[in-house]
Amino acid sequence: QVQLAESGGGLVQAGGSLRLSCAASGTPVSRYAFDWYRQAPGKQRVLVATISSGGNTVYADSVKGRFTISRDNAKNTVYLQMNSLQPDDTAVYFCHTRNWSLLDYWGQGTQVTVST
């Protein structure tokens, strides 16, 4: 059973940085693609960044150049480094993966709040 646990959220001023972590159990993080999604209050959950099993990365236009997704295979953890944070980045951030049977796994989410 795959389990994902996010951490690293918090309150930060605009222009600041945070690093989110997604600790995985039940699968090596190098086996599947992993994603970060975010959901702002009253809005749908949207894809922020993806790292493929091969290590390729893709970003939403809104975060390109500011956010970096990466993984540490030894720690079995996926990261989201977020720089130049803006109030519009305020959301609950979720880690996600999908196995080869197309079964989705989500973490519980971590709140990121960016103040002006």
C-alpha atoms as a PDB file:
ATOM      1  CA  GLN A   1       0.000   0.000   0.000  1.00  0.00           C
ATOM      2  CA  VAL A   2       1.420   3.340  -1.062  1.00  0.00           C
ATOM      3  CA  GLN A   3       1.312   6.108   1.520  1.00  0.00           C
ATOM      4  CA  LEU A   4       2.358   9.718   1.009  1.00  0.00           C
ATOM      5  CA  ALA A   5       3.040  12.215   3.771  1.00  0.00           C
ATOM      6  CA  GLU A   6       3.598  15.889   3.017  1.00  0.00           C
ATOM      7  CA  SER A   7       5.358  18.336   5.272  1.00  0.00           C
ATOM      8  CA  GLY A   8       7.036  21.706   5.089  1.00  0.00           C
ATOM      9  CA  GLY A   9       4.109  24.046   4.664  1.00  0.00           C
ATOM     10  CA  GLY A  10       3.657  27.186   6.686  1.00  0.00           C
ATOM     11  CA  LEU A  11       3.262  30.944   6.661  1.00  0.00           C
ATOM     12  CA  VAL A  12       5.742  32.978   4.647  1.00  0.00           C
ATOM     13  CA  GLN A  13       5.926  36.564   3.442  1.00  0.00           C
ATOM     14  CA  ALA A  14       5.685  37.370  -0.241  1.00  0.00           C
ATOM     15  CA  GLY A  15       9.030  36.873  -1.909  1.00  0.00           C
ATOM     16  CA  GLY A  16      10.010  34.149   0.515  1.00  0.00           C
ATOM     17  CA  SER A  17      10.713  30.460   0.026  1.00  0.00           C
ATOM     18  CA  LEU A  18       9.505  27.130   1.321  1.00  0.00           C
ATOM     19  CA  ARG A  19      10.460  23.553   0.599  1.00  0.00           C
ATOM     20  CA  LEU A  20       7.734  20.931   0.709  1.00  0.00           C
ATOM     21  CA  SER A  21       8.547  17.271   1.255  1.00  0.00           C
ATOM     22  CA  CYS A  22       6.557  14.190   0.303  1.00  0.00           C
ATOM     23  CA  ALA A  23       7.785  11.079   2.086  1.00  0.00           C
ATOM     24  CA  ALA A  24       6.643   7.929   0.322  1.00  0.00           C
ATOM     25  CA  SER A  25       6.236   4.426   1.662  1.00  0.00           C
ATOM     26  CA  GLY A  26       5.156   1.279  -0.150  1.00  0.00           C
ATOM     27  CA  THR A  27       6.940   2.204  -3.357  1.00  0.00           C
ATOM     28  CA  PRO A  28      10.267   3.650  -4.453  1.00  0.00           C
ATOM     29  CA  VAL A  29       9.752   7.240  -5.594  1.00  0.00           C
ATOM     30  CA  SER A  30      11.666   6.379  -8.757  1.00  0.00           C
ATOM     31  CA  ARG A  31       9.072   3.804  -9.842  1.00  0.00           C
ATOM     32  CA  TYR A  32       6.230   6.154 -10.822  1.00  0.00           C
ATOM     33  CA  ALA A  33       5.735   9.759 -11.767  1.00  0.00           C
ATOM     34  CA  PHE A  34       5.035  11.982  -8.782  1.00  0.00           C
ATOM     35  CA  ASP A  35       3.124  15.244  -8.831  1.00  0.00           C
ATOM     36  CA  TRP A  36       2.427  18.221  -6.675  1.00  0.00           C
ATOM     37  CA  TYR A  37      -1.061  19.679  -6.861  1.00  0.00           C
ATOM     38  CA  ARG A  38      -2.523  22.637  -5.043  1.00  0.00           C
ATOM     39  CA  GLN A  39      -6.013  23.697  -4.100  1.00  0.00           C
ATOM     40  CA  ALA A  40      -6.849  27.252  -3.150  1.00  0.00           C
ATOM     41  CA  PRO A  41     -10.011  28.046  -1.153  1.00  0.00           C
ATOM     42  CA  GLY A  42     -13.077  27.727  -3.344  1.00  0.00           C
ATOM     43  CA  LYS A  43     -11.090  26.527  -6.334  1.00  0.00           C
ATOM     44  CA  GLN A  44     -10.363  23.224  -8.009  1.00  0.00           C
ATOM     45  CA  ARG A  45      -7.226  21.241  -7.363  1.00  0.00           C
ATOM     46  CA  VAL A  46      -4.670  21.998 -10.069  1.00  0.00           C
ATOM     47  CA  LEU A  47      -1.439  20.387 -11.153  1.00  0.00           C
ATOM     48  CA  VAL A  48       1.680  22.337 -10.211  1.00  0.00           C
ATOM     49  CA  ALA A  49       4.630  20.116 -11.112  1.00  0.00           C
ATOM     50  CA  THR A  50       5.465  16.575 -12.186  1.00  0.00           C
ATOM     51  CA  ILE A  51       8.609  14.491 -12.039  1.00  0.00           C
ATOM     52  CA  SER A  52       8.579  11.383 -14.208  1.00  0.00           C
ATOM     53  CA  SER A  53      10.088   8.040 -13.274  1.00  0.00           C
ATOM     54  CA  GLY A  54      12.934   8.976 -15.592  1.00  0.00           C
ATOM     55  CA  GLY A  55      13.479  12.276 -13.794  1.00  0.00           C
ATOM     56  CA  ASN A  56      11.966  14.598 -16.371  1.00  0.00           C
ATOM     57  CA  THR A  57      10.083  17.568 -14.943  1.00  0.00           C
ATOM     58  CA  VAL A  58       7.094  19.590 -16.080  1.00  0.00           C
ATOM     59  CA  TYR A  59       5.652  22.739 -14.510  1.00  0.00           C
ATOM     60  CA  ALA A  60       2.482  24.762 -14.681  1.00  0.00           C
ATOM     61  CA  ASP A  61       3.066  28.097 -16.374  1.00  0.00           C
ATOM     62  CA  SER A  62       2.157  29.905 -13.169  1.00  0.00           C
ATOM     63  CA  VAL A  63       5.130  28.445 -11.273  1.00  0.00           C
ATOM     64  CA  LYS A  64       7.689  27.950 -14.031  1.00  0.00           C
ATOM     65  CA  GLY A  65      11.011  29.493 -13.069  1.00  0.00           C
ATOM     66  CA  ARG A  66      10.033  29.759  -9.397  1.00  0.00           C
ATOM     67  CA  PHE A  67       9.297  26.180  -8.304  1.00  0.00           C
ATOM     68  CA  THR A  68      11.509  23.115  -8.645  1.00  0.00           C
ATOM     69  CA  ILE A  69      10.383  19.527  -8.199  1.00  0.00           C
ATOM     70  CA  SER A  70      13.011  16.948  -7.330  1.00  0.00           C
ATOM     71  CA  ARG A  71      13.441  13.630  -5.571  1.00  0.00           C
ATOM     72  CA  ASP A  72      15.926  11.905  -3.328  1.00  0.00           C
ATOM     73  CA  ASN A  73      15.829   8.181  -4.022  1.00  0.00           C
ATOM     74  CA  ALA A  74      17.872   7.362  -0.923  1.00  0.00           C
ATOM     75  CA  LYS A  75      15.381   9.187   1.305  1.00  0.00           C
ATOM     76  CA  ASN A  76      12.427   8.052  -0.823  1.00  0.00           C
ATOM     77  CA  THR A  77      11.153  11.601  -0.790  1.00  0.00           C
ATOM     78  CA  VAL A  78       9.911  14.045  -3.412  1.00  0.00           C
ATOM     79  CA  TYR A  79      10.419  17.762  -2.885  1.00  0.00           C
ATOM     80  CA  LEU A  80       8.928  20.997  -4.125  1.00  0.00           C
ATOM     81  CA  GLN A  81      11.234  23.972  -3.699  1.00  0.00           C
ATOM     82  CA  MET A  82       9.165  27.127  -3.924  1.00  0.00           C
ATOM     83  CA  ASN A  83      10.887  30.482  -4.383  1.00  0.00           C
ATOM     84  CA  SER A  84       9.580  34.003  -4.929  1.00  0.00           C
ATOM     85  CA  LEU A  85       6.284  33.027  -3.342  1.00  0.00           C
ATOM     86  CA  GLN A  86       3.296  35.244  -3.975  1.00  0.00           C
ATOM     87  CA  PRO A  87      -0.103  35.499  -2.265  1.00  0.00           C
ATOM     88  CA  ASP A  88      -1.647  33.660  -5.248  1.00  0.00           C
ATOM     89  CA  ASP A  89       0.449  30.623  -4.255  1.00  0.00           C
ATOM     90  CA  THR A  90      -1.602  30.292  -1.066  1.00  0.00           C
ATOM     91  CA  ALA A  91      -3.210  26.851  -1.119  1.00  0.00           C
ATOM     92  CA  VAL A  92      -3.162  23.380   0.318  1.00  0.00           C
ATOM     93  CA  TYR A  93      -0.455  21.446  -1.508  1.00  0.00           C
ATOM     94  CA  PHE A  94      -0.907  17.746  -2.174  1.00  0.00           C
ATOM     95  CA  CYS A  95       1.516  15.049  -3.241  1.00  0.00           C
ATOM     96  CA  HIS A  96       0.164  12.497  -5.725  1.00  0.00           C
ATOM     97  CA  THR A  97       1.216   9.411  -7.593  1.00  0.00           C
ATOM     98  CA  ARG A  98      -0.503   6.838  -9.765  1.00  0.00           C
ATOM     99  CA  ASN A  99       0.547   3.211 -10.041  1.00  0.00           C
ATOM    100  CA  TRP A 100       0.583   1.045 -13.158  1.00  0.00           C
ATOM    101  CA  SER A 101      -2.973  -0.076 -12.420  1.00  0.00           C
ATOM    102  CA  LEU A 102      -4.012   3.591 -12.593  1.00  0.00           C
ATOM    103  CA  LEU A 103      -4.758   3.677  -8.880  1.00  0.00           C
ATOM    104  CA  ASP A 104      -4.275   7.175  -7.449  1.00  0.00           C
ATOM    105  CA  TYR A 105      -2.601   7.905  -4.147  1.00  0.00           C
ATOM    106  CA  TRP A 106      -2.773  11.247  -2.339  1.00  0.00           C
ATOM    107  CA  GLY A 107      -1.187  12.677   0.741  1.00  0.00           C
ATOM    108  CA  GLN A 108      -3.147  14.564   3.359  1.00  0.00           C
ATOM    109  CA  GLY A 109      -1.940  17.961   2.143  1.00  0.00           C
ATOM    110  CA  THR A 110       0.084  20.748   3.679  1.00  0.00           C
ATOM    111  CA  GLN A 111      -1.055  24.356   3.966  1.00  0.00           C
ATOM    112  CA  VAL A 112       1.012  27.114   2.389  1.00  0.00           C
ATOM    113  CA  THR A 113       0.017  30.676   3.211  1.00  0.00           C
ATOM    114  CA  VAL A 114       1.789  33.631   1.621  1.00  0.00           C
ATOM    115  CA  SER A 115       1.178  37.005   3.222  1.00  0.00           C
ATOM    116  CA  THR A 116       1.604  40.424   1.605  1.00  0.00           C
END
